[in-house]
Amino acid sequence: MELTELLDIGRQERSQQKPVQIRCCTAAGCLSANSQGVKQQLEQAVKAEGLESEVQVTGVGCMRLCCQGPLVEVAESGEKRTKQRLYGKVTPEDASAIIGVLRGKESQLSVVDLEQPFFTYQTPIVLENSGKIDPERIQAYIAAQGYQALYQVLREMTPAGVVDSISRSGLRGRGGAGYPTGLKWATVAKAKGERKFVICNADEGDPGAFMDRSVLESDPHRVLEGMAIAAYAVGASQGYIYVRAEYPIAIKRLQTAIHQAQRLGLLGSNIFDSPFDFKIDIRIGAGAYVCGEETALMASIEGKRGVPHPRPPYPAESGLWGYPTLINNVETFANIAPIIRKGADWFASIGTAKSKGTKVFALAGKIRNTGLIEVPMGTSLRQIVAEMGGGIPDGGVAKAVQTGGPSGGCIPASAFDTPVDYESLTNLGSMMGSGGMIVMDDTTNMVDVARFFMEFCMDESCGKCIPCRVGTVQLHGLLTKISEGKALVTDLELLEELCDMVKNTSLCGLGQSAPNPVFSTLRYFRDEYLALIALGSVSLNSTD
């Protein structure tokens, strides 16, 4: 395929678009609220009104403001601008009223304010197509400049030039650790091996996190294109997407996207009539949280039990089946095509000195506006929680925000002016993580929060190393003892000692980071631990 053919597909797709676009969210969360029924009723209402030539109903991916789902956007293209309306909490019975508005009728439908900070503060790069295009039509992705970056690197750039561009962009891995993406690619590119692999880690398992799932459901071709560019840069010919079985819609849309790309020659052999060959297969995980760790993930792909092994050697040198392997997560790959299209300097101009670009967060918990947000690095927690999130419902008071999932920590409201970047969150005793962000109000018991995450880590431990297998159980027992008011000061001392042991002696990141929620709650909410211990002391003394 030549560039002209690709552009023709995009032009043809745009020419077929009708003056009125009705986009209905068909991401997992909205589908569970019967958005498919909404879409079907909208299609029937359009037909009943004889508007088929003017109105097009499309199922799209996540439209971000999940608390208002199912969401329906109506975009009317005029001579000068597009008029947009977003309806929230739509039911199938509302379909006729939405079509009636197009006829000039009044309605009592719930209209979402598109000028509120939740939307206006966002800078969509990863999510630029989410909620805008049909994720099951490759033509829609191509019409949005899809696969042009892949053509550019294959026809105009050397592999080293691609690696250099990603390095200069300052992109860091969005999977949690924040390792420089360009440096990782350069290491794999230089590694010697008869074969090389590229893996997309889509094993998203953090409680409250749904960023990767939403990207895969909304814009799967973006991830495929990013993987293909990475494969060209490092010299790989085979890629794998490792995704958990709990994401059936994401899996289905990925399968569809791969087949479509293969049919158009955008995956497979001689892509864009070049010598470059690249194939992508899907591997479905059973839902083990530990398989988000790269060595456990590779073991699972190889058909072995998904448990980690010591490093070095690192995957870049000896990974899948002993060959050099590049592993990045969904959001990292989703940033690649825009960087190539718009340039490394453009991406590097966004964010902070050490944390470039944007970050996608799943905003959840005790907050008015729950959903997906994408903000520039350096945006403060206060802007996210108080302005974009709309604050705490029913006039409540924010107490803390938990970032980084079980590997992260709880940040108190007194630190909400902190900018969200890798270094700042680490200094607070938390971490960026994959992007989960759970807000807690002043009714939250922080000891219970620490116990919840410890229970999660205890259940998800693979059991290979003793510090994690036994230590998380003992830590959970101590936290339970404290929360029930049965502990003494010596138990708190033992808790801290065990946390230090588990952190410094566990084999992989799961065990090493399991104590983080305990450390952070002890650091900022120690008085809650002491109050429960005092209660325990009084209880024991009265018993004596």
Protein backbone atom coordinates (compact mmCIF):
# COMPACT_ATOMS: atom_id res chain seq x y z
CA MET A 1 0.00 0.00 0.00
CA GLU A 2 1.19 3.48 -0.87
CA LEU A 3 0.53 6.65 1.10
CA THR A 4 -1.88 7.85 -1.57
CA GLU A 5 -4.00 4.74 -1.06
CA LEU A 6 -4.03 5.27 2.68
CA LEU A 7 -5.06 8.89 2.26
CA ASP A 8 -7.78 7.88 -0.20
CA ILE A 9 -9.28 5.55 2.40
CA GLY A 10 -9.35 8.42 4.88
CA ARG A 11 -10.90 10.84 2.38
CA GLN A 12 -13.57 8.35 1.40
CA GLU A 13 -14.45 7.73 5.04
CA ARG A 14 -14.77 11.46 5.73
CA SER A 15 -16.85 12.01 2.60
CA GLN A 16 -19.37 9.43 3.79
CA GLN A 17 -19.91 11.17 7.12
CA LYS A 18 -23.37 12.67 7.47
CA PRO A 19 -24.11 16.23 8.68
CA VAL A 20 -25.29 14.99 12.08
CA GLN A 21 -23.17 12.52 14.01
CA ILE A 22 -24.70 10.77 17.01
CA ARG A 23 -22.05 8.97 19.01
CA CYS A 24 -23.11 6.46 21.62
CA CYS A 25 -20.61 5.18 24.18
CA THR A 26 -20.11 1.42 23.84
CA ALA A 27 -17.27 1.02 26.33
CA ALA A 28 -17.68 -1.72 28.94
CA GLY A 29 -19.04 0.55 31.66
CA CYS A 30 -21.76 2.02 29.46
CA LEU A 31 -22.61 -1.32 27.89
CA SER A 32 -23.32 -2.64 31.38
CA ALA A 33 -25.86 0.20 31.68
CA ASN A 34 -27.55 -0.85 28.39
CA SER A 35 -25.92 1.60 26.02
CA GLN A 36 -26.33 -1.00 23.27
CA GLY A 37 -30.09 -0.70 23.78
CA VAL A 38 -29.74 3.08 23.58
CA LYS A 39 -27.85 2.79 20.28
CA GLN A 40 -30.45 0.45 18.80
CA GLN A 41 -33.32 2.75 19.78
CA LEU A 42 -31.49 5.76 18.32
CA GLU A 43 -31.07 3.92 15.01
CA GLN A 44 -34.77 3.04 14.99
CA ALA A 45 -35.77 6.61 15.83
CA VAL A 46 -33.62 7.97 12.97
CA LYS A 47 -35.28 5.54 10.58
CA ALA A 48 -38.77 6.35 11.88
CA GLU A 49 -38.17 10.06 11.29
CA GLY A 50 -36.77 9.46 7.79
CA LEU A 51 -33.41 11.00 8.68
CA GLU A 52 -31.12 8.23 7.40
CA SER A 53 -29.52 10.56 4.82
CA GLU A 54 -28.76 13.23 7.43
CA VAL A 55 -28.04 11.43 10.68
CA GLN A 56 -25.47 8.74 11.41
CA VAL A 57 -25.49 6.75 14.67
CA THR A 58 -22.09 5.35 15.66
CA GLY A 59 -20.92 3.26 18.56
CA VAL A 60 -17.73 4.73 19.99
CA GLY A 61 -15.39 4.10 22.89
CA CYS A 62 -15.11 5.76 26.29
CA MET A 63 -16.45 9.33 26.46
CA ARG A 64 -14.67 9.88 29.80
CA LEU A 65 -17.36 11.15 32.21
CA CYS A 66 -18.27 7.66 33.35
CA CYS A 67 -20.50 8.77 36.25
CA GLN A 68 -22.97 10.13 33.67
CA GLY A 69 -23.07 7.03 31.48
CA PRO A 70 -24.54 5.96 29.18
CA LEU A 71 -23.42 9.04 27.28
CA VAL A 72 -24.63 10.18 23.86
CA GLU A 73 -23.01 13.02 21.91
CA VAL A 74 -24.81 14.82 19.08
CA ALA A 75 -22.55 16.78 16.73
CA GLU A 76 -24.19 18.91 14.03
CA SER A 77 -21.81 20.22 11.36
CA GLY A 78 -22.69 23.69 10.15
CA GLU A 79 -21.07 26.13 7.76
CA LYS A 80 -18.72 27.62 10.36
CA ARG A 81 -18.53 25.23 13.31
CA THR A 82 -19.78 22.01 14.81
CA LYS A 83 -22.48 22.29 17.44
CA GLN A 84 -22.11 19.64 20.11
CA ARG A 85 -24.43 18.43 22.82
CA LEU A 86 -23.64 15.69 25.32
CA TYR A 87 -26.47 13.85 27.04
CA GLY A 88 -25.90 11.92 30.25
CA LYS A 89 -27.59 8.90 31.84
CA VAL A 90 -29.44 8.18 28.63
CA THR A 91 -31.97 5.36 28.53
CA PRO A 92 -33.42 3.64 25.45
CA GLU A 93 -36.65 5.55 26.11
CA ASP A 94 -34.77 8.85 25.61
CA ALA A 95 -33.88 8.06 21.99
CA SER A 96 -36.98 9.65 20.44
CA ALA A 97 -36.47 12.82 22.51
CA ILE A 98 -32.85 13.14 21.30
CA ILE A 99 -34.00 12.87 17.68
CA GLY A 100 -36.82 15.28 18.48
CA VAL A 101 -34.28 17.94 19.48
CA LEU A 102 -32.92 17.76 15.93
CA ARG A 103 -36.43 18.66 14.78
CA GLY A 104 -36.48 21.68 17.09
CA LYS A 105 -38.54 20.11 19.86
CA GLU A 106 -38.00 20.82 23.55
CA SER A 107 -36.81 18.08 25.88
CA GLN A 108 -36.13 17.42 29.54
CA LEU A 109 -32.99 15.41 28.81
CA SER A 110 -29.94 15.71 31.07
CA VAL A 111 -27.37 17.80 29.20
CA VAL A 112 -23.74 17.62 30.31
CA ASP A 113 -21.78 20.88 30.48
CA LEU A 114 -18.88 20.55 28.04
CA GLU A 115 -17.29 23.76 29.39
CA GLN A 116 -16.71 22.40 32.90
CA PRO A 117 -13.10 21.83 34.07
CA PHE A 118 -13.48 18.05 33.75
CA PHE A 119 -13.34 18.53 29.97
CA THR A 120 -11.58 21.86 29.46
CA TYR A 121 -8.52 20.98 31.57
CA GLN A 122 -7.81 17.86 29.54
CA THR A 123 -5.11 17.59 26.86
CA PRO A 124 -6.01 14.53 24.80
CA ILE A 125 -3.09 12.77 23.15
CA VAL A 126 -3.62 9.14 24.07
CA LEU A 127 -7.39 9.74 24.19
CA GLU A 128 -7.64 12.02 21.15
CA ASN A 129 -9.78 9.47 19.25
CA SER A 130 -11.59 7.97 22.24
CA GLY A 131 -15.30 8.64 22.02
CA LYS A 132 -14.85 10.11 18.53
CA ILE A 133 -14.32 7.17 16.16
CA ASP A 134 -15.81 3.72 15.70
CA PRO A 135 -13.20 1.39 17.25
CA GLU A 136 -14.31 -1.47 14.99
CA ARG A 137 -13.70 0.37 11.70
CA ILE A 138 -10.11 0.74 10.53
CA GLN A 139 -11.32 3.30 8.01
CA ALA A 140 -12.37 5.59 10.88
CA TYR A 141 -8.89 5.33 12.38
CA ILE A 142 -7.23 6.02 9.03
CA ALA A 143 -9.48 9.08 8.56
CA ALA A 144 -8.03 10.36 11.86
CA GLN A 145 -4.46 10.17 10.44
CA GLY A 146 -4.08 6.55 11.48
CA TYR A 147 -1.06 4.58 10.21
CA GLN A 148 0.52 7.68 8.68
CA ALA A 149 3.22 7.59 11.36
CA LEU A 150 3.99 3.96 10.51
CA TYR A 151 4.32 4.89 6.84
CA GLN A 152 6.61 7.76 7.78
CA VAL A 153 9.04 5.63 9.80
CA LEU A 154 9.15 2.84 7.20
CA ARG A 155 9.70 5.15 4.24
CA GLU A 156 11.53 8.13 5.69
CA MET A 157 13.34 7.10 8.90
CA THR A 158 15.98 4.64 9.98
CA PRO A 159 15.41 2.47 13.06
CA ALA A 160 18.06 4.51 14.88
CA GLY A 161 16.24 7.69 13.88
CA VAL A 162 13.01 6.40 15.40
CA VAL A 163 14.76 5.52 18.66
CA ASP A 164 16.37 8.96 18.72
CA SER A 165 13.00 10.66 18.20
CA ILE A 166 11.40 8.75 21.08
CA SER A 167 14.41 9.51 23.27
CA ARG A 168 14.27 13.25 22.53
CA SER A 169 10.54 13.33 23.25
CA GLY A 170 11.25 12.47 26.88
CA LEU A 171 8.51 9.82 26.96
CA ARG A 172 8.73 7.62 30.04
CA GLY A 173 7.04 4.27 30.50
CA ARG A 174 3.44 4.71 31.58
CA GLY A 175 3.27 1.33 33.27
CA GLY A 176 4.36 2.66 36.64
CA ALA A 177 8.15 2.73 36.93
CA GLY A 178 8.63 5.65 34.53
CA TYR A 179 11.69 4.19 32.84
CA PRO A 180 12.80 6.26 29.80
CA THR A 181 11.16 4.68 26.78
CA GLY A 182 13.86 5.70 24.31
CA LEU A 183 16.59 4.18 26.50
CA LYS A 184 14.70 0.90 26.74
CA TRP A 185 14.21 0.82 22.95
CA ALA A 186 17.88 1.61 22.38
CA THR A 187 18.94 -1.26 24.64
CA VAL A 188 16.77 -3.76 22.77
CA ALA A 189 17.90 -2.38 19.40
CA LYS A 190 21.54 -2.94 20.33
CA ALA A 191 20.99 -6.40 21.82
CA LYS A 192 22.21 -9.36 19.80
CA GLY A 193 19.72 -12.08 18.97
CA GLU A 194 18.41 -14.16 16.08
CA ARG A 195 14.90 -12.99 16.94
CA LYS A 196 13.38 -10.13 18.90
CA PHE A 197 9.92 -9.61 20.33
CA VAL A 198 7.68 -6.70 21.24
CA ILE A 199 5.12 -7.17 24.01
CA CYS A 200 2.26 -4.89 24.99
CA ASN A 201 1.49 -5.34 28.68
CA ALA A 202 -2.29 -4.93 28.92
CA ASP A 203 -2.60 -6.90 32.15
CA GLU A 204 -4.18 -4.03 34.03
CA GLY A 205 -5.02 -5.25 37.53
CA ASP A 206 -4.93 -2.30 39.96
CA PRO A 207 -8.19 -1.82 41.90
CA GLY A 208 -10.04 1.18 40.50
CA ALA A 209 -7.94 1.36 37.31
CA PHE A 210 -9.46 1.15 33.82
CA MET A 211 -7.19 3.30 31.64
CA ASP A 212 -5.68 0.57 29.44
CA ARG A 213 -9.01 -1.18 29.02
CA SER A 214 -10.61 2.04 27.81
CA VAL A 215 -7.84 2.70 25.28
CA LEU A 216 -8.07 -0.83 23.89
CA GLU A 217 -11.86 -0.59 23.66
CA SER A 218 -11.83 2.90 22.15
CA ASP A 219 -8.79 3.04 19.85
CA PRO A 220 -7.17 -0.38 19.35
CA HIS A 221 -5.39 0.55 16.09
CA ARG A 222 -3.45 3.25 17.97
CA VAL A 223 -1.80 0.52 20.06
CA LEU A 224 -1.14 -1.71 17.04
CA GLU A 225 0.51 1.17 15.18
CA GLY A 226 2.68 2.02 18.18
CA MET A 227 3.79 -1.59 18.50
CA ALA A 228 4.65 -1.80 14.79
CA ILE A 229 6.75 1.37 15.00
CA ALA A 230 8.54 -0.02 18.06
CA ALA A 231 9.18 -3.32 16.28
CA TYR A 232 10.76 -1.51 13.32
CA ALA A 233 12.92 0.52 15.69
CA VAL A 234 14.29 -2.46 17.63
CA GLY A 235 14.35 -5.06 14.85
CA ALA A 236 11.47 -7.32 15.93
CA SER A 237 9.12 -9.26 13.68
CA GLN A 238 6.68 -10.70 16.23
CA GLY A 239 4.52 -8.94 18.79
CA TYR A 240 2.20 -10.09 21.55
CA ILE A 241 -0.55 -8.28 23.42
CA TYR A 242 -1.02 -9.82 26.85
CA VAL A 243 -4.50 -8.90 28.06
CA ARG A 244 -6.53 -10.28 30.92
CA ALA A 245 -9.62 -12.39 30.18
CA GLU A 246 -11.79 -10.01 32.24
CA TYR A 247 -11.63 -7.59 29.28
CA PRO A 248 -13.75 -9.43 26.67
CA ILE A 249 -14.76 -6.28 24.76
CA ALA A 250 -11.15 -5.11 24.54
CA ILE A 251 -10.09 -8.56 23.33
CA LYS A 252 -12.84 -8.66 20.70
CA ARG A 253 -11.97 -5.21 19.35
CA LEU A 254 -8.26 -6.03 19.31
CA GLN A 255 -8.94 -9.19 17.32
CA THR A 256 -11.06 -7.22 14.87
CA ALA A 257 -8.39 -4.51 14.55
CA ILE A 258 -5.61 -7.05 13.90
CA HIS A 259 -7.63 -8.79 11.18
CA GLN A 260 -8.50 -5.46 9.52
CA ALA A 261 -4.87 -4.30 9.56
CA GLN A 262 -3.73 -7.61 8.08
CA ARG A 263 -6.28 -7.37 5.26
CA LEU A 264 -5.01 -3.91 4.30
CA GLY A 265 -1.36 -4.99 4.53
CA LEU A 266 -0.67 -2.80 7.57
CA LEU A 267 0.40 -5.86 9.55
CA GLY A 268 2.04 -8.98 8.22
CA SER A 269 4.63 -9.15 5.45
CA ASN A 270 6.17 -6.26 3.49
CA ILE A 271 4.20 -3.56 5.27
CA PHE A 272 3.77 -0.51 3.03
CA ASP A 273 5.75 -2.43 0.36
CA SER A 274 8.84 -2.30 2.55
CA PRO A 275 11.08 -5.18 3.72
CA PHE A 276 9.53 -4.86 7.19
CA ASP A 277 7.45 -7.79 8.47
CA PHE A 278 5.52 -7.68 11.72
CA LYS A 279 2.84 -9.92 13.13
CA ILE A 280 0.82 -9.42 16.33
CA ASP A 281 -0.91 -12.15 18.34
CA ILE A 282 -3.06 -11.89 21.46
CA ARG A 283 -2.35 -13.89 24.59
CA ILE A 284 -5.11 -13.95 27.21
CA GLY A 285 -4.20 -14.04 30.89
CA ALA A 286 -6.27 -15.64 33.62
CA GLY A 287 -6.26 -12.52 35.78
CA ALA A 288 -3.23 -13.03 38.03
CA TYR A 289 -2.10 -9.62 39.24
CA VAL A 290 1.52 -10.78 39.40
CA CYS A 291 1.48 -11.28 35.62
CA GLY A 292 1.68 -7.52 35.27
CA GLU A 293 5.32 -8.00 36.29
CA GLU A 294 7.30 -8.42 33.10
CA THR A 295 9.14 -11.67 33.86
CA ALA A 296 5.93 -13.33 35.13
CA LEU A 297 4.10 -12.05 32.04
CA MET A 298 6.68 -13.59 29.72
CA ALA A 299 6.53 -16.89 31.58
CA SER A 300 2.76 -16.90 31.06
CA ILE A 301 3.12 -16.21 27.32
CA GLU A 302 5.55 -19.14 27.13
CA GLY A 303 2.89 -21.39 28.63
CA LYS A 304 4.50 -21.63 32.04
CA ARG A 305 3.18 -20.69 35.44
CA GLY A 306 3.12 -16.90 35.70
CA VAL A 307 5.70 -16.27 38.39
CA PRO A 308 8.59 -13.78 38.34
CA HIS A 309 12.26 -14.64 38.20
CA PRO A 310 15.27 -12.63 39.36
CA ARG A 311 16.82 -9.95 37.16
CA PRO A 312 19.35 -9.62 35.57
CA PRO A 313 19.20 -10.73 32.88
CA TYR A 314 16.64 -8.12 31.91
CA PRO A 315 14.11 -8.76 29.13
CA ALA A 316 15.95 -6.33 26.84
CA GLU A 317 18.84 -8.80 26.76
CA SER A 318 17.16 -12.13 27.43
CA GLY A 319 13.39 -12.10 27.49
CA LEU A 320 10.76 -14.18 25.75
CA TRP A 321 12.23 -17.64 25.04
CA GLY A 322 15.65 -16.16 25.80
CA TYR A 323 15.55 -13.55 23.02
CA PRO A 324 15.78 -9.74 23.40
CA THR A 325 12.31 -8.44 24.22
CA LEU A 326 10.77 -4.98 24.43
CA ILE A 327 7.89 -4.61 26.91
CA ASN A 328 5.80 -1.45 27.20
CA ASN A 329 2.27 -0.93 28.40
CA VAL A 330 -0.82 0.18 26.47
CA GLU A 331 -0.56 3.89 27.21
CA THR A 332 3.14 4.01 26.28
CA PHE A 333 2.46 2.51 22.85
CA ALA A 334 -0.55 4.81 22.39
CA ASN A 335 1.79 7.83 22.64
CA ILE A 336 4.13 6.68 19.86
CA ALA A 337 2.20 7.58 16.69
CA PRO A 338 1.47 11.19 17.79
CA ILE A 339 5.15 11.69 18.67
CA ILE A 340 6.21 10.57 15.20
CA ARG A 341 3.51 12.63 13.45
CA LYS A 342 3.96 15.86 15.41
CA GLY A 343 7.60 15.58 16.41
CA ALA A 344 9.64 14.93 19.52
CA ASP A 345 9.94 18.63 20.35
CA TRP A 346 6.14 19.01 20.37
CA PHE A 347 5.75 16.21 22.93
CA ALA A 348 8.70 17.43 25.01
CA SER A 349 7.07 20.88 25.25
CA ILE A 350 4.22 19.38 27.30
CA GLY A 351 4.63 18.54 30.97
CA THR A 352 7.54 19.21 33.31
CA ALA A 353 11.33 19.16 32.97
CA LYS A 354 11.61 15.47 33.88
CA SER A 355 8.09 14.21 33.21
CA LYS A 356 7.07 14.95 29.63
CA GLY A 357 3.71 14.67 27.93
CA THR A 358 0.38 13.80 29.49
CA LYS A 359 -0.91 11.10 31.79
CA VAL A 360 -4.22 9.27 31.71
CA PHE A 361 -5.88 8.71 35.09
CA ALA A 362 -8.92 6.75 36.14
CA LEU A 363 -10.58 9.07 38.63
CA ALA A 364 -12.69 7.13 41.11
CA GLY A 365 -13.81 6.99 44.73
CA LYS A 366 -15.59 9.69 46.77
CA ILE A 367 -15.67 12.24 43.98
CA ARG A 368 -18.47 13.85 41.96
CA ASN A 369 -16.98 13.32 38.50
CA THR A 370 -15.65 9.81 38.06
CA GLY A 371 -14.13 8.76 34.77
CA LEU A 372 -11.08 9.07 32.55
CA ILE A 373 -8.97 12.19 32.41
CA GLU A 374 -5.81 13.01 30.46
CA VAL A 375 -3.84 15.94 31.82
CA PRO A 376 -0.36 17.41 31.25
CA MET A 377 2.29 16.21 33.67
CA GLY A 378 2.64 18.82 36.39
CA THR A 379 -1.09 19.35 36.88
CA SER A 380 -1.71 19.61 40.62
CA LEU A 381 -3.70 17.08 42.60
CA ARG A 382 -5.95 19.92 43.75
CA GLN A 383 -6.86 20.80 40.17
CA ILE A 384 -7.68 17.16 39.50
CA VAL A 385 -9.67 16.49 42.68
CA ALA A 386 -11.36 19.81 43.42
CA GLU A 387 -11.87 21.23 39.93
CA MET A 388 -11.92 18.39 37.40
CA GLY A 389 -13.37 15.92 39.87
CA GLY A 390 -15.83 18.46 41.23
CA GLY A 391 -14.88 17.82 44.84
CA ILE A 392 -16.52 15.50 47.34
CA PRO A 393 -20.26 14.77 46.96
CA ASP A 394 -22.80 16.14 49.45
CA GLY A 395 -20.43 18.80 50.77
CA GLY A 396 -17.91 16.32 52.13
CA VAL A 397 -14.25 17.04 52.77
CA ALA A 398 -11.41 15.41 50.87
CA LYS A 399 -9.04 13.51 53.13
CA ALA A 400 -6.62 11.77 50.79
CA VAL A 401 -6.04 10.48 47.29
CA GLN A 402 -4.49 7.11 46.60
CA THR A 403 -2.32 6.83 43.49
CA GLY A 404 -0.43 3.93 42.00
CA GLY A 405 -2.75 1.12 43.07
CA PRO A 406 -1.49 -1.40 45.64
CA SER A 407 2.05 -0.29 44.78
CA GLY A 408 1.35 3.34 45.57
CA GLY A 409 0.43 5.33 48.60
CA CYS A 410 -2.15 7.64 50.16
CA ILE A 411 -1.48 11.35 49.78
CA PRO A 412 -3.13 13.67 52.35
CA ALA A 413 -5.25 16.67 51.39
CA SER A 414 -2.57 18.96 52.83
CA ALA A 415 -0.31 17.92 49.92
CA PHE A 416 -2.87 18.43 47.14
CA ASP A 417 -0.94 21.37 45.69
CA THR A 418 1.77 18.91 44.64
CA PRO A 419 2.22 18.63 40.86
CA VAL A 420 1.54 15.20 39.42
CA ASP A 421 4.86 13.95 38.06
CA TYR A 422 7.07 10.95 38.74
CA GLU A 423 9.48 12.60 41.16
CA SER A 424 6.92 14.59 43.15
CA LEU A 425 4.70 11.60 43.83
CA THR A 426 7.69 9.48 44.81
CA ASN A 427 8.81 12.16 47.28
CA LEU A 428 5.37 11.96 48.90
CA GLY A 429 5.75 8.23 49.40
CA SER A 430 3.47 7.26 46.52
CA MET A 431 4.02 6.70 42.81
CA MET A 432 2.49 7.41 39.43
CA GLY A 433 1.68 3.78 38.81
CA SER A 434 -0.39 2.90 35.78
CA GLY A 435 -2.85 5.70 36.55
CA GLY A 436 -5.43 4.72 39.14
CA MET A 437 -6.49 7.63 41.34
CA ILE A 438 -8.92 6.93 44.19
CA VAL A 439 -10.26 9.88 46.21
CA MET A 440 -11.22 9.41 49.87
CA ASP A 441 -13.32 11.67 52.10
CA ASP A 442 -13.05 12.43 55.81
CA THR A 443 -15.17 9.40 56.74
CA THR A 444 -12.50 7.03 55.43
CA ASN A 445 -10.56 4.97 57.97
CA MET A 446 -6.99 4.94 56.68
CA VAL A 447 -6.04 1.80 58.62
CA ASP A 448 -8.84 0.00 56.81
CA VAL A 449 -7.51 1.35 53.51
CA ALA A 450 -4.05 -0.07 54.24
CA ARG A 451 -5.62 -3.37 55.27
CA PHE A 452 -7.68 -3.53 52.04
CA PHE A 453 -4.63 -3.15 49.83
CA MET A 454 -2.62 -5.58 51.94
CA GLU A 455 -5.40 -8.13 51.58
CA PHE A 456 -5.27 -7.63 47.81
CA CYS A 457 -1.50 -8.18 47.73
CA MET A 458 -1.80 -11.18 50.04
CA ASP A 459 -4.38 -12.81 47.77
CA GLU A 460 -2.45 -11.99 44.59
CA SER A 461 0.98 -13.11 45.81
CA CYS A 462 2.28 -15.91 43.59
CA GLY A 463 3.90 -17.50 46.62
CA LYS A 464 7.31 -18.02 45.04
CA CYS A 465 9.29 -16.06 47.64
CA ILE A 466 8.82 -16.31 51.40
CA PRO A 467 8.94 -12.58 52.25
CA CYS A 468 5.91 -11.87 50.08
CA ARG A 469 4.06 -15.15 50.60
CA VAL A 470 4.34 -15.11 54.41
CA GLY A 471 5.04 -11.43 55.05
CA THR A 472 1.84 -10.10 53.45
CA VAL A 473 -0.22 -12.56 55.51
CA GLN A 474 1.45 -11.43 58.73
CA LEU A 475 1.07 -7.76 57.79
CA HIS A 476 -2.61 -8.25 57.04
CA GLY A 477 -3.04 -9.97 60.39
CA LEU A 478 -1.40 -7.10 62.24
CA LEU A 479 -3.49 -4.51 60.40
CA THR A 480 -6.63 -6.47 61.23
CA LYS A 481 -5.58 -6.61 64.87
CA ILE A 482 -5.03 -2.84 64.93
CA SER A 483 -8.30 -2.01 63.15
CA GLU A 484 -10.25 -4.17 65.59
CA GLY A 485 -8.74 -2.33 68.56
CA LYS A 486 -6.85 -5.36 69.84
CA ALA A 487 -3.26 -4.21 69.27
CA LEU A 488 -0.53 -2.75 71.47
CA VAL A 489 2.33 -0.34 70.68
CA THR A 490 4.63 -3.33 70.23
CA ASP A 491 2.37 -4.49 67.37
CA LEU A 492 2.88 -1.17 65.62
CA GLU A 493 6.64 -1.54 65.99
CA LEU A 494 6.41 -5.07 64.58
CA LEU A 495 4.27 -3.79 61.69
CA GLU A 496 6.93 -1.27 60.69
CA GLU A 497 9.71 -3.83 61.01
CA LEU A 498 7.86 -6.37 58.85
CA CYS A 499 7.05 -3.72 56.23
CA ASP A 500 10.74 -2.94 55.91
CA MET A 501 11.60 -6.63 55.59
CA VAL A 502 8.97 -7.35 52.91
CA LYS A 503 9.96 -4.27 50.92
CA ASN A 504 13.67 -5.05 50.87
CA THR A 505 13.70 -8.84 50.49
CA SER A 506 10.81 -9.74 48.17
CA LEU A 507 11.63 -11.07 44.72
CA CYS A 508 9.48 -8.84 42.52
CA GLY A 509 7.66 -5.54 42.48
CA LEU A 510 4.46 -6.94 43.97
CA GLY A 511 6.10 -7.81 47.29
CA GLN A 512 8.55 -4.93 47.22
CA SER A 513 5.74 -2.39 46.91
CA ALA A 514 3.06 -4.16 48.99
CA PRO A 515 3.97 -2.18 52.16
CA ASN A 516 3.69 1.20 50.41
CA PRO A 517 0.07 1.90 51.46
CA VAL A 518 1.07 1.06 55.04
CA PHE A 519 4.13 3.29 54.94
CA SER A 520 2.17 6.23 53.53
CA THR A 521 -0.75 5.93 55.95
CA LEU A 522 1.69 5.65 58.86
CA ARG A 523 3.51 8.72 57.59
CA TYR A 524 0.45 10.95 57.22
CA PHE A 525 -2.26 9.34 59.39
CA ARG A 526 -0.27 7.81 62.24
CA ASP A 527 -2.72 9.28 64.74
CA GLU A 528 -5.41 6.90 63.47
CA TYR A 529 -3.18 3.92 64.18
CA LEU A 530 -2.32 5.27 67.64
CA ALA A 531 -5.98 5.95 68.45
CA LEU A 532 -6.90 2.33 67.67
CA ILE A 533 -3.89 1.06 69.63
CA ALA A 534 -4.91 3.22 72.60
CA LEU A 535 -8.35 1.68 72.35
CA GLY A 536 -6.75 -1.74 72.42
CA SER A 537 -4.66 -0.87 75.44
CA VAL A 538 -7.72 0.33 77.36
CA SER A 539 -9.57 -2.84 76.44
CA LEU A 540 -6.75 -5.10 77.59
CA ASN A 541 -6.27 -3.19 80.86
CA SER A 542 -9.96 -3.39 81.66
CA THR A 543 -9.87 -7.14 81.01
CA ASP A 544 -6.94 -7.55 83.41
